[in-house]
Amino acid sequence: MSYKVQTVKTLKTVKALRGQSLTIDLGKVFTGTLTSWMKKDLLGSEYVEFDIVDGRYLFLTKAKTADLFDTKNKVAGKWNFDVRHLPTGGTEDDEKTIFVGIVLFYNNVTS
C-alpha cells in the first residue's frame, strides 16, 4: 500500500485591520472552484467565509471584518484559514487544500 503525501503551501501571516476590507492575492488564477474559510478556533464550528474574486483573490468585506455578534469571537486576533480547490469537472474526492495561512487582525494602525 502506498500513500501520496500532498504538500500544502503556507502563506505568510497576513496583518489586517479590524473593520476594514481585506484582499489576499493567491499569486495566480485557479480554474475550477475555490473555497476558503477562516476560523479562530480550529475545532470550533464558527467561521467567516472569504469571497473568491476572479479565481485568484480572497476577499473579506468591511462587514465581515467587523466584530461578530458573539462576544467570544471578536474579529481582533489570530484567525487560521485554508483555501480548497476543486478542479473543473472534479468530484468531492478531487478537492484539495492548496494553501493555509494566518490572518492577524489588529484594532488600529499602531498595534
PDB file of N, CA and C in Angstrom:
ATOM      1  N   MET A   1       0.843  -1.162   0.000  1.00  0.00           N
ATOM      2  CA  MET A   1       0.000   0.000   0.000  1.00  0.00           C
ATOM      3  C   MET A   1       0.896   1.236   0.000  1.00  0.00           C
ATOM      4  N   SER A   2       0.593   2.193  -0.861  1.00  0.00           N
ATOM      5  CA  SER A   2       1.391   3.414  -0.891  1.00  0.00           C
ATOM      6  C   SER A   2       0.506   4.611  -0.553  1.00  0.00           C
ATOM      7  N   TYR A   3       1.131   5.620  -0.036  1.00  0.00           N
ATOM      8  CA  TYR A   3       0.433   6.839   0.316  1.00  0.00           C
ATOM      9  C   TYR A   3       1.083   8.005  -0.404  1.00  0.00           C
ATOM     10  N   LYS A   4       0.255   8.893  -0.921  1.00  0.00           N
ATOM     11  CA  LYS A   4       0.764  10.083  -1.581  1.00  0.00           C
ATOM     12  C   LYS A   4       0.576  11.253  -0.620  1.00  0.00           C
ATOM     13  N   VAL A   5       1.672  11.874  -0.235  1.00  0.00           N
ATOM     14  CA  VAL A   5       1.618  12.996   0.685  1.00  0.00           C
ATOM     15  C   VAL A   5       1.598  14.277  -0.133  1.00  0.00           C
ATOM     16  N   GLN A   6       0.588  15.096   0.113  1.00  0.00           N
ATOM     17  CA  GLN A   6       0.441  16.351  -0.618  1.00  0.00           C
ATOM     18  C   GLN A   6       1.107  17.476   0.164  1.00  0.00           C
ATOM     19  N   THR A   7       1.890  18.293  -0.521  1.00  0.00           N
ATOM     20  CA  THR A   7       2.484  19.458   0.094  1.00  0.00           C
ATOM     21  C   THR A   7       1.494  20.608   0.006  1.00  0.00           C
ATOM     22  N   VAL A   8       1.254  21.265   1.117  1.00  0.00           N
ATOM     23  CA  VAL A   8       0.346  22.407   1.160  1.00  0.00           C
ATOM     24  C   VAL A   8       1.176  23.657   1.394  1.00  0.00           C
ATOM     25  N   LYS A   9       1.016  24.637   0.513  1.00  0.00           N
ATOM     26  CA  LYS A   9       1.758  25.881   0.649  1.00  0.00           C
ATOM     27  C   LYS A   9       1.196  26.679   1.819  1.00  0.00           C
ATOM     28  N   THR A  10       2.101  27.283   2.580  1.00  0.00           N
ATOM     29  CA  THR A  10       1.700  28.144   3.678  1.00  0.00           C
ATOM     30  C   THR A  10       1.947  29.578   3.267  1.00  0.00           C
ATOM     31  N   LEU A  11       0.881  30.375   3.305  1.00  0.00           N
ATOM     32  CA  LEU A  11       1.018  31.791   3.006  1.00  0.00           C
ATOM     33  C   LEU A  11       1.630  32.483   4.214  1.00  0.00           C
ATOM     34  N   LYS A  12       2.357  33.561   3.984  1.00  0.00           N
ATOM     35  CA  LYS A  12       2.891  34.320   5.101  1.00  0.00           C
ATOM     36  C   LYS A  12       1.738  34.857   5.935  1.00  0.00           C
ATOM     37  N   THR A  13       2.017  35.131   7.189  1.00  0.00           N
ATOM     38  CA  THR A  13       0.991  35.713   8.051  1.00  0.00           C
ATOM     39  C   THR A  13       0.565  37.053   7.479  1.00  0.00           C
ATOM     40  N   VAL A  14      -0.738  37.231   7.370  1.00  0.00           N
ATOM     41  CA  VAL A  14      -1.308  38.456   6.818  1.00  0.00           C
ATOM     42  C   VAL A  14      -1.754  39.327   7.981  1.00  0.00           C
ATOM     43  N   LYS A  15      -1.298  40.576   8.007  1.00  0.00           N
ATOM     44  CA  LYS A  15      -1.739  41.512   9.031  1.00  0.00           C
ATOM     45  C   LYS A  15      -2.845  42.369   8.442  1.00  0.00           C
ATOM     46  N   ALA A  16      -3.917  42.568   9.208  1.00  0.00           N
ATOM     47  CA  ALA A  16      -5.077  43.299   8.715  1.00  0.00           C
ATOM     48  C   ALA A  16      -5.679  44.138   9.832  1.00  0.00           C
ATOM     49  N   LEU A  17      -6.440  45.147   9.437  1.00  0.00           N
ATOM     50  CA  LEU A  17      -7.141  45.990  10.400  1.00  0.00           C
ATOM     51  C   LEU A  17      -8.577  45.530  10.553  1.00  0.00           C
ATOM     52  N   ARG A  18      -9.006  45.377  11.787  1.00  0.00           N
ATOM     53  CA  ARG A  18     -10.388  45.015  12.062  1.00  0.00           C
ATOM     54  C   ARG A  18     -11.295  46.122  11.543  1.00  0.00           C
ATOM     55  N   GLY A  19     -12.387  45.756  10.878  1.00  0.00           N
ATOM     56  CA  GLY A  19     -13.338  46.729  10.365  1.00  0.00           C
ATOM     57  C   GLY A  19     -12.960  47.329   9.021  1.00  0.00           C
ATOM     58  N   GLN A  20     -11.913  46.800   8.387  1.00  0.00           N
ATOM     59  CA  GLN A  20     -11.510  47.250   7.053  1.00  0.00           C
ATOM     60  C   GLN A  20     -11.521  46.052   6.107  1.00  0.00           C
ATOM     61  N   SER A  21     -11.828  46.298   4.838  1.00  0.00           N
ATOM     62  CA  SER A  21     -11.844  45.186   3.881  1.00  0.00           C
ATOM     63  C   SER A  21     -10.435  44.611   3.723  1.00  0.00           C
ATOM     64  N   LEU A  22     -10.383  43.364   3.298  1.00  0.00           N
ATOM     65  CA  LEU A  22      -9.108  42.654   3.164  1.00  0.00           C
ATOM     66  C   LEU A  22      -9.114  41.858   1.873  1.00  0.00           C
ATOM     67  N   THR A  23      -8.023  41.961   1.101  1.00  0.00           N
ATOM     68  CA  THR A  23      -7.838  41.166  -0.110  1.00  0.00           C
ATOM     69  C   THR A  23      -6.505  40.432   0.001  1.00  0.00           C
ATOM     70  N   ILE A  24      -6.521  39.124  -0.262  1.00  0.00           N
ATOM     71  CA  ILE A  24      -5.308  38.307  -0.274  1.00  0.00           C
ATOM     72  C   ILE A  24      -5.143  37.761  -1.683  1.00  0.00           C
ATOM     73  N   ASP A  25      -3.982  38.019  -2.297  1.00  0.00           N
ATOM     74  CA  ASP A  25      -3.671  37.554  -3.651  1.00  0.00           C
ATOM     75  C   ASP A  25      -3.015  36.178  -3.564  1.00  0.00           C
ATOM     76  N   LEU A  26      -3.599  35.181  -4.241  1.00  0.00           N
ATOM     77  CA  LEU A  26      -3.043  33.825  -4.232  1.00  0.00           C
ATOM     78  C   LEU A  26      -1.889  33.648  -5.219  1.00  0.00           C
ATOM     79  N   GLY A  27      -1.625  34.656  -6.037  1.00  0.00           N
ATOM     80  CA  GLY A  27      -0.461  34.621  -6.914  1.00  0.00           C
ATOM     81  C   GLY A  27      -0.717  34.136  -8.325  1.00  0.00           C
ATOM     82  N   LYS A  28      -1.826  33.472  -8.550  1.00  0.00           N
ATOM     83  CA  LYS A  28      -2.183  33.040  -9.895  1.00  0.00           C
ATOM     84  C   LYS A  28      -3.671  32.711  -9.929  1.00  0.00           C
ATOM     85  N   VAL A  29      -4.221  32.609 -11.126  1.00  0.00           N
ATOM     86  CA  VAL A  29      -5.630  32.277 -11.303  1.00  0.00           C
ATOM     87  C   VAL A  29      -5.789  30.759 -11.282  1.00  0.00           C
ATOM     88  N   PHE A  30      -6.755  30.282 -10.521  1.00  0.00           N
ATOM     89  CA  PHE A  30      -7.060  28.857 -10.453  1.00  0.00           C
ATOM     90  C   PHE A  30      -8.380  28.610 -11.168  1.00  0.00           C
ATOM     91  N   THR A  31      -8.400  27.623 -12.073  1.00  0.00           N
ATOM     92  CA  THR A  31      -9.657  27.236 -12.709  1.00  0.00           C
ATOM     93  C   THR A  31     -10.342  26.231 -11.804  1.00  0.00           C
ATOM     94  N   GLY A  32     -11.633  26.120 -11.927  1.00  0.00           N
ATOM     95  CA  GLY A  32     -12.389  25.247 -11.039  1.00  0.00           C
ATOM     96  C   GLY A  32     -13.003  26.080  -9.932  1.00  0.00           C
ATOM     97  N   THR A  33     -13.264  25.446  -8.800  1.00  0.00           N
ATOM     98  CA  THR A  33     -13.935  26.110  -7.688  1.00  0.00           C
ATOM     99  C   THR A  33     -12.990  26.255  -6.505  1.00  0.00           C
ATOM    100  N   LEU A  34     -12.855  27.471  -6.002  1.00  0.00           N
ATOM    101  CA  LEU A  34     -12.090  27.732  -4.791  1.00  0.00           C
ATOM    102  C   LEU A  34     -13.056  28.036  -3.660  1.00  0.00           C
ATOM    103  N   THR A  35     -12.745  27.547  -2.472  1.00  0.00           N
ATOM    104  CA  THR A  35     -13.487  27.912  -1.271  1.00  0.00           C
ATOM    105  C   THR A  35     -12.478  28.203  -0.177  1.00  0.00           C
ATOM    106  N   SER A  36     -12.834  29.124   0.706  1.00  0.00           N
ATOM    107  CA  SER A  36     -11.921  29.470   1.785  1.00  0.00           C
ATOM    108  C   SER A  36     -12.699  30.005   2.980  1.00  0.00           C
ATOM    109  N   TRP A  37     -12.314  29.539   4.156  1.00  0.00           N
ATOM    110  CA  TRP A  37     -12.905  29.979   5.412  1.00  0.00           C
ATOM    111  C   TRP A  37     -11.780  30.298   6.368  1.00  0.00           C
ATOM    112  N   MET A  38     -12.076  31.190   7.302  1.00  0.00           N
ATOM    113  CA  MET A  38     -11.133  31.413   8.404  1.00  0.00           C
ATOM    114  C   MET A  38     -11.853  31.121   9.707  1.00  0.00           C
ATOM    115  N   LYS A  39     -11.095  30.532  10.638  1.00  0.00           N
ATOM    116  CA  LYS A  39     -11.640  30.138  11.938  1.00  0.00           C
ATOM    117  C   LYS A  39     -10.705  30.624  13.031  1.00  0.00           C
ATOM    118  N   LYS A  40     -11.291  31.079  14.111  1.00  0.00           N
ATOM    119  CA  LYS A  40     -10.489  31.450  15.268  1.00  0.00           C
ATOM    120  C   LYS A  40     -10.105  30.192  16.048  1.00  0.00           C
ATOM    121  N   ASP A  41     -11.043  29.273  16.156  1.00  0.00           N
ATOM    122  CA  ASP A  41     -10.835  28.008  16.853  1.00  0.00           C
ATOM    123  C   ASP A  41     -10.931  26.885  15.825  1.00  0.00           C
ATOM    124  N   LEU A  42      -9.823  26.215  15.544  1.00  0.00           N
ATOM    125  CA  LEU A  42      -9.809  25.179  14.507  1.00  0.00           C
ATOM    126  C   LEU A  42     -10.809  24.057  14.767  1.00  0.00           C
ATOM    127  N   LEU A  43     -11.123  23.789  16.018  1.00  0.00           N
ATOM    128  CA  LEU A  43     -12.064  22.722  16.346  1.00  0.00           C
ATOM    129  C   LEU A  43     -13.498  23.242  16.469  1.00  0.00           C
ATOM    130  N   GLY A  44     -13.663  24.556  16.401  1.00  0.00           N
ATOM    131  CA  GLY A  44     -14.986  25.147  16.542  1.00  0.00           C
ATOM    132  C   GLY A  44     -15.779  25.093  15.241  1.00  0.00           C
ATOM    133  N   SER A  45     -17.059  25.404  15.359  1.00  0.00           N
ATOM    134  CA  SER A  45     -17.926  25.363  14.179  1.00  0.00           C
ATOM    135  C   SER A  45     -18.155  26.738  13.567  1.00  0.00           C
ATOM    136  N   GLU A  46     -17.733  27.807  14.245  1.00  0.00           N
ATOM    137  CA  GLU A  46     -17.939  29.153  13.722  1.00  0.00           C
ATOM    138  C   GLU A  46     -16.802  29.533  12.783  1.00  0.00           C
ATOM    139  N   TYR A  47     -17.178  30.146  11.649  1.00  0.00           N
ATOM    140  CA  TYR A  47     -16.186  30.552  10.665  1.00  0.00           C
ATOM    141  C   TYR A  47     -16.683  31.771   9.906  1.00  0.00           C
ATOM    142  N   VAL A  48     -15.758  32.407   9.203  1.00  0.00           N
ATOM    143  CA  VAL A  48     -16.082  33.508   8.295  1.00  0.00           C
ATOM    144  C   VAL A  48     -15.610  33.068   6.918  1.00  0.00           C
ATOM    145  N   GLU A  49     -16.501  33.150   5.933  1.00  0.00           N
ATOM    146  CA  GLU A  49     -16.173  32.693   4.585  1.00  0.00           C
ATOM    147  C   GLU A  49     -15.642  33.842   3.733  1.00  0.00           C
ATOM    148  N   PHE A  50     -14.532  33.590   3.046  1.00  0.00           N
ATOM    149  CA  PHE A  50     -13.989  34.555   2.093  1.00  0.00           C
ATOM    150  C   PHE A  50     -14.825  34.538   0.818  1.00  0.00           C
ATOM    151  N   ASP A  51     -14.953  35.687   0.173  1.00  0.00           N
ATOM    152  CA  ASP A  51     -15.478  35.742  -1.189  1.00  0.00           C
ATOM    153  C   ASP A  51     -14.285  35.491  -2.105  1.00  0.00           C
ATOM    154  N   ILE A  52     -14.479  34.721  -3.163  1.00  0.00           N
ATOM    155  CA  ILE A  52     -13.408  34.441  -4.127  1.00  0.00           C
ATOM    156  C   ILE A  52     -13.661  35.323  -5.354  1.00  0.00           C
ATOM    157  N   VAL A  53     -12.646  36.095  -5.738  1.00  0.00           N
ATOM    158  CA  VAL A  53     -12.778  37.021  -6.853  1.00  0.00           C
ATOM    159  C   VAL A  53     -11.813  36.610  -7.964  1.00  0.00           C
ATOM    160  N   ASP A  54     -12.340  36.413  -9.164  1.00  0.00           N
ATOM    161  CA  ASP A  54     -11.549  36.112 -10.363  1.00  0.00           C
ATOM    162  C   ASP A  54     -10.662  34.869 -10.223  1.00  0.00           C
ATOM    163  N   GLY A  55     -11.029  33.933  -9.359  1.00  0.00           N
ATOM    164  CA  GLY A  55     -10.258  32.701  -9.200  1.00  0.00           C
ATOM    165  C   GLY A  55      -8.865  32.920  -8.652  1.00  0.00           C
ATOM    166  N   ARG A  56      -8.617  34.110  -8.058  1.00  0.00           N
ATOM    167  CA  ARG A  56      -7.275  34.447  -7.598  1.00  0.00           C
ATOM    168  C   ARG A  56      -7.236  35.139  -6.240  1.00  0.00           C
ATOM    169  N   TYR A  57      -8.241  35.918  -5.924  1.00  0.00           N
ATOM    170  CA  TYR A  57      -8.208  36.758  -4.735  1.00  0.00           C
ATOM    171  C   TYR A  57      -9.206  36.290  -3.678  1.00  0.00           C
ATOM    172  N   LEU A  58      -8.750  36.272  -2.425  1.00  0.00           N
ATOM    173  CA  LEU A  58      -9.639  36.046  -1.287  1.00  0.00           C
ATOM    174  C   LEU A  58     -10.031  37.430  -0.798  1.00  0.00           C
ATOM    175  N   PHE A  59     -11.320  37.648  -0.584  1.00  0.00           N
ATOM    176  CA  PHE A  59     -11.786  38.977  -0.215  1.00  0.00           C
ATOM    177  C   PHE A  59     -12.748  38.904   0.961  1.00  0.00           C
ATOM    178  N   LEU A  60     -12.526  39.802   1.933  1.00  0.00           N
ATOM    179  CA  LEU A  60     -13.447  39.978   3.048  1.00  0.00           C
ATOM    180  C   LEU A  60     -13.943  41.416   3.025  1.00  0.00           C
ATOM    181  N   THR A  61     -15.244  41.608   3.098  1.00  0.00           N
ATOM    182  CA  THR A  61     -15.817  42.947   3.152  1.00  0.00           C
ATOM    183  C   THR A  61     -15.574  43.558   4.535  1.00  0.00           C
ATOM    184  N   LYS A  62     -15.802  44.862   4.638  1.00  0.00           N
ATOM    185  CA  LYS A  62     -15.681  45.521   5.942  1.00  0.00           C
ATOM    186  C   LYS A  62     -16.620  44.886   6.950  1.00  0.00           C
ATOM    187  N   ALA A  63     -17.819  44.532   6.498  1.00  0.00           N
ATOM    188  CA  ALA A  63     -18.795  43.922   7.405  1.00  0.00           C
ATOM    189  C   ALA A  63     -18.275  42.600   7.968  1.00  0.00           C
ATOM    190  N   LYS A  64     -17.554  41.830   7.174  1.00  0.00           N
ATOM    191  CA  LYS A  64     -17.049  40.537   7.643  1.00  0.00           C
ATOM    192  C   LYS A  64     -15.859  40.680   8.579  1.00  0.00           C
ATOM    193  N   THR A  65     -15.191  41.840   8.581  1.00  0.00           N
ATOM    194  CA  THR A  65     -14.054  42.033   9.478  1.00  0.00           C
ATOM    195  C   THR A  65     -14.435  42.851  10.712  1.00  0.00           C
ATOM    196  N   ALA A  66     -15.692  43.271  10.783  1.00  0.00           N
ATOM    197  CA  ALA A  66     -16.180  43.951  11.983  1.00  0.00           C
ATOM    198  C   ALA A  66     -16.454  42.897  13.044  1.00  0.00           C
ATOM    199  N   ASP A  67     -16.607  43.330  14.287  1.00  0.00           N
ATOM    200  CA  ASP A  67     -16.865  42.373  15.367  1.00  0.00           C
ATOM    201  C   ASP A  67     -18.098  41.546  15.089  1.00  0.00           C
ATOM    202  N   LEU A  68     -18.003  40.275  15.381  1.00  0.00           N
ATOM    203  CA  LEU A  68     -19.144  39.385  15.265  1.00  0.00           C
ATOM    204  C   LEU A  68     -20.071  39.610  16.460  1.00  0.00           C
ATOM    205  N   PHE A  69     -21.302  39.200  16.356  1.00  0.00           N
ATOM    206  CA  PHE A  69     -22.257  39.422  17.432  1.00  0.00           C
ATOM    207  C   PHE A  69     -21.896  38.641  18.686  1.00  0.00           C
ATOM    208  N   ASP A  70     -21.310  37.483  18.518  1.00  0.00           N
ATOM    209  CA  ASP A  70     -20.911  36.662  19.656  1.00  0.00           C
ATOM    210  C   ASP A  70     -19.644  37.273  20.253  1.00  0.00           C
ATOM    211  N   THR A  71     -19.729  37.768  21.479  1.00  0.00           N
ATOM    212  CA  THR A  71     -18.579  38.462  22.076  1.00  0.00           C
ATOM    213  C   THR A  71     -17.369  37.553  22.254  1.00  0.00           C
ATOM    214  N   LYS A  72     -17.578  36.261  22.248  1.00  0.00           N
ATOM    215  CA  LYS A  72     -16.473  35.303  22.387  1.00  0.00           C
ATOM    216  C   LYS A  72     -15.578  35.327  21.144  1.00  0.00           C
ATOM    217  N   ASN A  73     -16.162  35.620  19.985  1.00  0.00           N
ATOM    218  CA  ASN A  73     -15.414  35.538  18.738  1.00  0.00           C
ATOM    219  C   ASN A  73     -15.198  36.891  18.078  1.00  0.00           C
ATOM    220  N   LYS A  74     -14.675  37.836  18.823  1.00  0.00           N
ATOM    221  CA  LYS A  74     -14.360  39.131  18.211  1.00  0.00           C
ATOM    222  C   LYS A  74     -13.347  38.905  17.098  1.00  0.00           C
ATOM    223  N   VAL A  75     -13.434  39.720  16.050  1.00  0.00           N
ATOM    224  CA  VAL A  75     -12.557  39.523  14.900  1.00  0.00           C
ATOM    225  C   VAL A  75     -11.102  39.808  15.241  1.00  0.00           C
ATOM    226  N   ALA A  76     -10.828  40.733  16.152  1.00  0.00           N
ATOM    227  CA  ALA A  76      -9.443  41.040  16.506  1.00  0.00           C
ATOM    228  C   ALA A  76      -8.718  39.771  16.951  1.00  0.00           C
ATOM    229  N   GLY A  77      -7.463  39.641  16.560  1.00  0.00           N
ATOM    230  CA  GLY A  77      -6.668  38.490  16.969  1.00  0.00           C
ATOM    231  C   GLY A  77      -6.330  37.572  15.815  1.00  0.00           C
ATOM    232  N   LYS A  78      -5.903  36.379  16.161  1.00  0.00           N
ATOM    233  CA  LYS A  78      -5.395  35.401  15.201  1.00  0.00           C
ATOM    234  C   LYS A  78      -6.517  34.520  14.656  1.00  0.00           C
ATOM    235  N   TRP A  79      -6.598  34.425  13.331  1.00  0.00           N
ATOM    236  CA  TRP A  79      -7.549  33.547  12.639  1.00  0.00           C
ATOM    237  C   TRP A  79      -6.777  32.673  11.668  1.00  0.00           C
ATOM    238  N   ASN A  80      -7.042  31.380  11.662  1.00  0.00           N
ATOM    239  CA  ASN A  80      -6.437  30.438  10.717  1.00  0.00           C
ATOM    240  C   ASN A  80      -7.357  30.298   9.514  1.00  0.00           C
ATOM    241  N   PHE A  81      -6.764  30.147   8.339  1.00  0.00           N
ATOM    242  CA  PHE A  81      -7.596  29.933   7.159  1.00  0.00           C
ATOM    243  C   PHE A  81      -6.949  28.926   6.226  1.00  0.00           C
ATOM    244  N   ASP A  82      -7.772  28.352   5.357  1.00  0.00           N
ATOM    245  CA  ASP A  82      -7.261  27.488   4.303  1.00  0.00           C
ATOM    246  C   ASP A  82      -8.009  27.803   3.018  1.00  0.00           C
ATOM    247  N   VAL A  83      -7.419  27.364   1.910  1.00  0.00           N
ATOM    248  CA  VAL A  83      -8.026  27.533   0.585  1.00  0.00           C
ATOM    249  C   VAL A  83      -8.123  26.149  -0.024  1.00  0.00           C
ATOM    250  N   ARG A  84      -9.330  25.791  -0.451  1.00  0.00           N
ATOM    251  CA  ARG A  84      -9.557  24.482  -1.067  1.00  0.00           C
ATOM    252  C   ARG A  84      -9.868  24.665  -2.540  1.00  0.00           C
ATOM    253  N   HIS A  85      -9.368  23.735  -3.357  1.00  0.00           N
ATOM    254  CA  HIS A  85      -9.541  23.802  -4.809  1.00  0.00           C
ATOM    255  C   HIS A  85     -10.192  22.525  -5.308  1.00  0.00           C
ATOM    256  N   LEU A  86     -11.281  22.696  -6.070  1.00  0.00           N
ATOM    257  CA  LEU A  86     -11.954  21.586  -6.737  1.00  0.00           C
ATOM    258  C   LEU A  86     -11.805  21.821  -8.230  1.00  0.00           C
ATOM    259  N   PRO A  87     -11.018  21.000  -8.934  1.00  0.00           N
ATOM    260  CA  PRO A  87     -10.822  21.194 -10.375  1.00  0.00           C
ATOM    261  C   PRO A  87     -12.140  21.108 -11.140  1.00  0.00           C
ATOM    262  N   THR A  88     -12.198  21.800 -12.273  1.00  0.00           N
ATOM    263  CA  THR A  88     -13.371  21.751 -13.136  1.00  0.00           C
ATOM    264  C   THR A  88     -13.664  20.309 -13.508  1.00  0.00           C
ATOM    265  N   GLY A  89     -14.908  19.877 -13.331  1.00  0.00           N
ATOM    266  CA  GLY A  89     -15.298  18.509 -13.654  1.00  0.00           C
ATOM    267  C   GLY A  89     -14.916  17.490 -12.600  1.00  0.00           C
ATOM    268  N   GLY A  90     -14.296  17.942 -11.515  1.00  0.00           N
ATOM    269  CA  GLY A  90     -13.872  17.019 -10.466  1.00  0.00           C
ATOM    270  C   GLY A  90     -15.009  16.646  -9.537  1.00  0.00           C
ATOM    271  N   THR A  91     -14.757  15.650  -8.722  1.00  0.00           N
ATOM    272  CA  THR A  91     -15.723  15.219  -7.720  1.00  0.00           C
ATOM    273  C   THR A  91     -15.228  15.661  -6.350  1.00  0.00           C
ATOM    274  N   GLU A  92     -16.040  15.427  -5.346  1.00  0.00           N
ATOM    275  CA  GLU A  92     -15.676  15.787  -3.984  1.00  0.00           C
ATOM    276  C   GLU A  92     -14.336  15.182  -3.569  1.00  0.00           C
ATOM    277  N   ASP A  93     -14.021  14.002  -4.071  1.00  0.00           N
ATOM    278  CA  ASP A  93     -12.750  13.326  -3.753  1.00  0.00           C
ATOM    279  C   ASP A  93     -11.546  14.040  -4.354  1.00  0.00           C
ATOM    280  N   ASP A  94     -11.771  14.878  -5.373  1.00  0.00           N
ATOM    281  CA  ASP A  94     -10.678  15.587  -6.038  1.00  0.00           C
ATOM    282  C   ASP A  94     -10.333  16.905  -5.355  1.00  0.00           C
ATOM    283  N   GLU A  95     -11.150  17.337  -4.398  1.00  0.00           N
ATOM    284  CA  GLU A  95     -10.894  18.608  -3.722  1.00  0.00           C
ATOM    285  C   GLU A  95      -9.657  18.496  -2.837  1.00  0.00           C
ATOM    286  N   LYS A  96      -8.778  19.520  -2.911  1.00  0.00           N
ATOM    287  CA  LYS A  96      -7.536  19.518  -2.134  1.00  0.00           C
ATOM    288  C   LYS A  96      -7.333  20.875  -1.491  1.00  0.00           C
ATOM    289  N   THR A  97      -6.717  20.864  -0.323  1.00  0.00           N
ATOM    290  CA  THR A  97      -6.300  22.101   0.314  1.00  0.00           C
ATOM    291  C   THR A  97      -5.013  22.537  -0.364  1.00  0.00           C
ATOM    292  N   ILE A  98      -4.999  23.757  -0.913  1.00  0.00           N
ATOM    293  CA  ILE A  98      -3.812  24.217  -1.645  1.00  0.00           C
ATOM    294  C   ILE A  98      -3.029  25.294  -0.900  1.00  0.00           C
ATOM    295  N   PHE A  99      -3.659  25.972   0.047  1.00  0.00           N
ATOM    296  CA  PHE A  99      -2.973  26.975   0.860  1.00  0.00           C
ATOM    297  C   PHE A  99      -3.524  26.927   2.278  1.00  0.00           C
ATOM    298  N   VAL A 100      -2.658  27.236   3.235  1.00  0.00           N
ATOM    299  CA  VAL A 100      -3.073  27.510   4.608  1.00  0.00           C
ATOM    300  C   VAL A 100      -2.387  28.796   5.027  1.00  0.00           C
ATOM    301  N   GLY A 101      -2.943  29.463   6.009  1.00  0.00           N
ATOM    302  CA  GLY A 101      -2.329  30.711   6.458  1.00  0.00           C
ATOM    303  C   GLY A 101      -2.980  31.231   7.716  1.00  0.00           C
ATOM    304  N   ILE A 102      -2.489  32.382   8.140  1.00  0.00           N
ATOM    305  CA  ILE A 102      -2.973  33.048   9.348  1.00  0.00           C
ATOM    306  C   ILE A 102      -3.230  34.507   9.012  1.00  0.00           C
ATOM    307  N   VAL A 103      -4.356  35.021   9.507  1.00  0.00           N
ATOM    308  CA  VAL A 103      -4.634  36.451   9.431  1.00  0.00           C
ATOM    309  C   VAL A 103      -4.619  36.980  10.854  1.00  0.00           C
ATOM    310  N   LEU A 104      -3.818  38.034  11.092  1.00  0.00           N
ATOM    311  CA  LEU A 104      -3.783  38.693  12.396  1.00  0.00           C
ATOM    312  C   LEU A 104      -4.524  40.014  12.269  1.00  0.00           C
ATOM    313  N   PHE A 105      -5.662  40.117  12.932  1.00  0.00           N
ATOM    314  CA  PHE A 105      -6.450  41.349  12.903  1.00  0.00           C
ATOM    315  C   PHE A 105      -6.059  42.233  14.082  1.00  0.00           C
ATOM    316  N   TYR A 106      -5.794  43.493  13.783  1.00  0.00           N
ATOM    317  CA  TYR A 106      -5.457  44.480  14.799  1.00  0.00           C
ATOM    318  C   TYR A 106      -6.597  45.485  14.890  1.00  0.00           C
ATOM    319  N   ASN A 107      -6.710  46.120  16.064  1.00  0.00           N
ATOM    320  CA  ASN A 107      -7.766  47.106  16.283  1.00  0.00           C
ATOM    321  C   ASN A 107      -7.454  48.461  15.665  1.00  0.00           C
ATOM    322  N   ASN A 108      -6.172  48.796  15.520  1.00  0.00           N
ATOM    323  CA  ASN A 108      -5.817  50.100  14.957  1.00  0.00           C
ATOM    324  C   ASN A 108      -4.441  50.032  14.322  1.00  0.00           C
ATOM    325  N   VAL A 109      -4.064  51.099  13.659  1.00  0.00           N
ATOM    326  CA  VAL A 109      -2.800  51.132  12.900  1.00  0.00           C
ATOM    327  C   VAL A 109      -1.593  51.004  13.821  1.00  0.00           C
ATOM    328  N   THR A 110      -1.661  51.500  15.036  1.00  0.00           N
ATOM    329  CA  THR A 110      -0.496  51.497  15.920  1.00  0.00           C
ATOM    330  C   THR A 110      -0.273  50.177  16.639  1.00  0.00           C
ATOM    331  N   SER A 111      -1.151  49.206  16.489  1.00  0.00           N
ATOM    332  CA  SER A 111      -0.980  47.908  17.166  1.00  0.00           C
ATOM    333  C   SER A 111       0.251  47.206  16.645  1.00  0.00           C
TER     334      SER A 111
END
